[in-house]
Amino acid sequence: MRKLLIAVAASTLVLGACKTIDPFTGEEKYGSTTKGAAIGAGAGAVIGAISGKDAQDRRKRTLIGAGVGALAGGAVGAYMDKQEADLRKQMQGTGVSVTRQGDNLILNMPSNITFKSGSADMNASFYKVLDGVGLVLKKYDKTVIEVAGHTDNVGGSDYNQALSERRAGSVAQYLTGKGVKQERVITIGGGENHLVAGNDTEAGRSQNRRVELSLLPLKQ
């Protein structure tokens, strides 16, 4: 009973912390991504940044050493508020959702926007989406950017891991080619291990085949 109560509490916390913006209407909602966060919490998966504190801290130290000023106190929330508002405007109507988790922002880019099945070659329409993301990322340079590729469970786990890494690399390469500093970017492949939905239906598998950008503020 105690374990059940803990699991329910964890799911409630995740749902409470994940405010998602409908990618088409711009309205706040608790939709598929937020529900997926609860699935992820129950399954022990991680929704959002998965590279780990050490990797993130190394990037932050590099940026501070390069002269990028860090944020302090209340400035962190205000900075991320402004960045979130700009991302909402850029992503409205694209099908990309913007989720706020504390001071972090997560862009969920589903498979119908990003890549064809089994491929790391980006869809033509995805370039315009990434152009909008790049504009905001360059404006707000006090963030570390984790680009994470994810897959469903179709195919072997080794294949899916490699595919997720290639997809993350393709997105990161495009963004840095558009002027986002490479020092800010972490790429990671989540393979089939970080679910936002069940893999027992095509709709669920489609949600799991995604790229997530996690934007982490550069704090003092």
Protein backbone atom coordinates (compact mmCIF):
# COMPACT_ATOMS: atom_id res chain seq x y z
CA MET A 1 0.00 0.00 0.00
CA ARG A 2 2.84 2.38 0.87
CA LYS A 3 4.50 1.80 -2.51
CA LEU A 4 1.21 2.44 -4.26
CA LEU A 5 0.73 5.73 -2.42
CA ILE A 6 4.27 6.81 -3.30
CA ALA A 7 3.70 6.00 -6.97
CA VAL A 8 0.44 7.94 -7.02
CA ALA A 9 2.11 10.90 -5.30
CA ALA A 10 4.97 10.86 -7.80
CA SER A 11 2.58 10.84 -10.71
CA THR A 12 0.62 13.71 -9.17
CA LEU A 13 3.78 15.77 -8.76
CA VAL A 14 4.76 15.17 -12.36
CA LEU A 15 1.33 16.18 -13.60
CA GLY A 16 1.36 19.27 -11.43
CA ALA A 17 4.78 20.36 -12.64
CA CYS A 18 4.19 19.82 -16.37
CA LYS A 19 2.29 22.67 -17.95
CA THR A 20 1.99 21.93 -21.65
CA ILE A 21 1.09 24.41 -24.36
CA ASP A 22 -1.14 23.10 -27.12
CA PRO A 23 1.05 23.39 -30.25
CA PHE A 24 -1.88 24.44 -32.43
CA THR A 25 -4.03 26.69 -30.23
CA GLY A 26 -1.44 28.07 -27.81
CA GLU A 27 -3.69 27.21 -24.84
CA GLU A 28 -2.49 25.57 -21.65
CA LYS A 29 -3.46 21.94 -21.26
CA TYR A 30 -2.55 18.66 -19.64
CA GLY A 31 -2.57 16.48 -22.71
CA SER A 32 -0.68 13.56 -24.18
CA THR A 33 2.78 14.77 -23.21
CA THR A 34 1.77 15.44 -19.63
CA LYS A 35 -0.05 12.10 -19.39
CA GLY A 36 3.06 10.53 -20.86
CA ALA A 37 5.11 12.09 -18.08
CA ALA A 38 2.96 10.19 -15.59
CA ILE A 39 3.52 6.98 -17.59
CA GLY A 40 7.23 7.70 -17.56
CA ALA A 41 7.26 8.32 -13.82
CA GLY A 42 5.43 5.08 -13.15
CA ALA A 43 7.79 3.12 -15.40
CA GLY A 44 10.93 4.69 -14.00
CA ALA A 45 11.60 6.57 -17.25
CA VAL A 46 12.88 10.13 -17.43
CA ILE A 47 10.95 12.79 -19.28
CA GLY A 48 13.07 15.74 -20.31
CA ALA A 49 16.81 16.07 -19.71
CA ILE A 50 18.50 12.66 -19.45
CA SER A 51 22.18 13.44 -19.97
CA GLY A 52 22.87 13.67 -16.25
CA LYS A 53 24.13 16.37 -13.93
CA ASP A 54 27.82 15.81 -14.68
CA ALA A 55 27.41 16.36 -18.43
CA GLN A 56 25.21 19.41 -17.85
CA ASP A 57 27.62 20.91 -15.31
CA ARG A 58 30.55 20.47 -17.68
CA ARG A 59 28.71 22.44 -20.36
CA LYS A 60 27.78 25.13 -17.87
CA ARG A 61 31.38 25.50 -16.66
CA THR A 62 32.58 25.74 -20.26
CA LEU A 63 30.09 28.50 -21.05
CA ILE A 64 30.90 30.46 -17.90
CA GLY A 65 34.60 30.10 -18.68
CA ALA A 66 33.91 31.47 -22.15
CA GLY A 67 32.37 34.60 -20.64
CA VAL A 68 28.68 33.77 -20.84
CA GLY A 69 27.17 35.27 -17.69
CA ALA A 70 25.21 33.00 -15.38
CA LEU A 71 21.77 33.79 -13.97
CA ALA A 72 21.09 34.27 -10.27
CA GLY A 73 18.07 34.19 -8.00
CA GLY A 74 14.80 35.46 -9.41
CA ALA A 75 16.47 36.30 -12.71
CA VAL A 76 16.39 32.60 -13.63
CA GLY A 77 12.62 32.29 -13.64
CA ALA A 78 12.09 35.61 -15.41
CA TYR A 79 14.63 34.68 -18.11
CA MET A 80 12.98 31.32 -18.75
CA ASP A 81 9.52 32.94 -18.73
CA LYS A 82 10.55 35.22 -21.60
CA GLN A 83 12.17 32.38 -23.50
CA GLU A 84 9.08 30.22 -23.03
CA ALA A 85 6.82 32.98 -24.36
CA ASP A 86 8.98 33.40 -27.47
CA LEU A 87 9.05 29.65 -28.07
CA ARG A 88 5.27 29.45 -27.79
CA LYS A 89 4.94 32.07 -30.51
CA GLN A 90 7.47 30.37 -32.78
CA MET A 91 6.05 26.86 -32.29
CA GLN A 92 2.35 27.68 -32.52
CA GLY A 93 0.78 25.69 -35.34
CA THR A 94 3.88 23.52 -35.89
CA GLY A 95 2.82 20.48 -33.86
CA VAL A 96 5.75 20.95 -31.43
CA SER A 97 4.69 21.14 -27.78
CA VAL A 98 6.36 23.37 -25.18
CA THR A 99 6.44 21.98 -21.64
CA ARG A 100 7.67 23.76 -18.51
CA GLN A 101 9.27 21.67 -15.76
CA GLY A 102 10.43 23.99 -13.00
CA ASP A 103 13.03 26.27 -14.59
CA ASN A 104 13.56 23.93 -17.55
CA LEU A 105 11.80 24.03 -20.92
CA ILE A 106 11.19 20.95 -23.07
CA LEU A 107 10.28 20.93 -26.74
CA ASN A 108 8.69 17.66 -27.83
CA MET A 109 9.01 17.08 -31.57
CA PRO A 110 6.96 14.06 -32.69
CA SER A 111 7.80 11.71 -35.52
CA ASN A 112 5.28 13.12 -38.01
CA ILE A 113 7.30 16.38 -38.00
CA THR A 114 10.85 15.18 -37.65
CA PHE A 115 11.95 11.98 -39.43
CA LYS A 116 10.60 9.23 -41.60
CA SER A 117 10.36 5.82 -39.94
CA GLY A 118 13.76 4.20 -39.50
CA SER A 119 15.63 7.25 -40.85
CA ALA A 120 17.85 10.02 -39.43
CA ASP A 121 17.24 12.22 -42.49
CA MET A 122 15.06 15.15 -41.48
CA ASN A 123 11.72 15.81 -43.16
CA ALA A 124 11.72 18.92 -45.36
CA SER A 125 9.10 20.61 -43.17
CA PHE A 126 11.25 20.10 -40.08
CA TYR A 127 13.83 22.62 -41.28
CA LYS A 128 11.41 25.52 -40.89
CA VAL A 129 10.53 24.37 -37.36
CA LEU A 130 14.19 24.21 -36.38
CA ASP A 131 14.80 27.63 -37.94
CA GLY A 132 12.25 29.05 -35.49
CA VAL A 133 13.82 27.20 -32.57
CA GLY A 134 17.26 28.43 -33.57
CA LEU A 135 16.15 32.05 -33.58
CA VAL A 136 15.00 31.78 -29.97
CA LEU A 137 18.04 29.79 -28.84
CA LYS A 138 20.40 32.43 -30.21
CA LYS A 139 18.45 35.20 -28.48
CA TYR A 140 18.60 33.41 -25.11
CA ASP A 141 22.17 32.18 -24.88
CA LYS A 142 22.20 31.55 -21.13
CA THR A 143 20.90 28.01 -21.54
CA VAL A 144 22.40 24.58 -22.08
CA ILE A 145 20.58 22.62 -24.78
CA GLU A 146 20.16 18.86 -24.57
CA VAL A 147 19.06 17.25 -27.83
CA ALA A 148 17.72 13.77 -27.14
CA GLY A 149 16.52 11.26 -29.71
CA HIS A 150 13.96 8.62 -28.75
CA THR A 151 12.40 5.61 -30.50
CA ASP A 152 9.63 3.10 -30.00
CA ASN A 153 10.40 -0.58 -29.37
CA VAL A 154 10.04 -1.79 -32.96
CA GLY A 155 13.30 -3.40 -34.04
CA GLY A 156 16.29 -4.38 -31.92
CA SER A 157 17.34 -2.28 -28.96
CA ASP A 158 20.87 -1.77 -30.34
CA TYR A 159 19.46 -0.53 -33.64
CA ASN A 160 17.06 1.82 -31.89
CA GLN A 161 19.82 3.19 -29.67
CA ALA A 162 22.01 3.98 -32.68
CA LEU A 163 19.07 5.49 -34.57
CA SER A 164 18.17 7.74 -31.65
CA GLU A 165 21.77 8.98 -31.46
CA ARG A 166 21.86 9.73 -35.19
CA ARG A 167 18.61 11.67 -34.98
CA ALA A 168 19.87 13.74 -32.06
CA GLY A 169 23.06 14.41 -33.98
CA SER A 170 21.16 15.55 -37.09
CA VAL A 171 19.13 18.07 -35.09
CA ALA A 172 22.14 19.36 -33.18
CA GLN A 173 24.18 19.74 -36.38
CA TYR A 174 21.42 21.75 -38.01
CA LEU A 175 21.05 24.08 -35.03
CA THR A 176 24.78 24.73 -34.74
CA GLY A 177 24.88 25.34 -38.47
CA LYS A 178 22.31 28.09 -37.89
CA GLY A 179 24.50 29.84 -35.35
CA VAL A 180 23.75 28.15 -32.03
CA LYS A 181 27.05 27.75 -30.19
CA GLN A 182 28.25 24.17 -30.18
CA GLU A 183 29.49 24.56 -26.60
CA ARG A 184 25.87 24.83 -25.46
CA VAL A 185 24.70 21.57 -27.01
CA ILE A 186 24.61 18.07 -25.54
CA THR A 187 23.45 15.21 -27.76
CA ILE A 188 22.17 11.94 -26.36
CA GLY A 189 20.28 8.92 -27.61
CA GLY A 190 17.52 7.63 -25.38
CA GLY A 191 16.79 4.64 -27.60
CA GLU A 192 13.54 2.92 -26.65
CA ASN A 193 14.00 3.38 -22.90
CA HIS A 194 12.21 6.68 -22.17
CA LEU A 195 8.53 6.34 -22.95
CA VAL A 196 5.88 9.04 -22.99
CA ALA A 197 3.16 6.58 -24.05
CA GLY A 198 2.56 2.85 -24.30
CA ASN A 199 4.10 0.88 -27.16
CA ASP A 200 1.06 -1.37 -27.51
CA THR A 201 -0.66 0.85 -30.12
CA GLU A 202 0.56 2.70 -33.20
CA ALA A 203 -0.59 6.00 -31.67
CA GLY A 204 1.55 5.33 -28.60
CA ARG A 205 4.56 4.23 -30.64
CA SER A 206 4.26 7.40 -32.72
CA GLN A 207 4.49 9.51 -29.56
CA ASN A 208 7.57 7.61 -28.42
CA ARG A 209 9.34 8.23 -31.75
CA ARG A 210 10.39 11.80 -31.01
CA VAL A 211 13.15 14.30 -30.48
CA GLU A 212 13.19 16.35 -27.29
CA LEU A 213 15.08 19.57 -26.73
CA SER A 214 15.60 20.37 -23.05
CA LEU A 215 16.68 23.93 -22.28
CA LEU A 216 18.45 24.24 -18.94
CA PRO A 217 19.22 27.70 -17.50
CA LEU A 218 22.83 28.62 -16.79
CA LYS A 219 22.68 29.26 -13.04
CA GLN A 220 25.32 30.68 -10.73
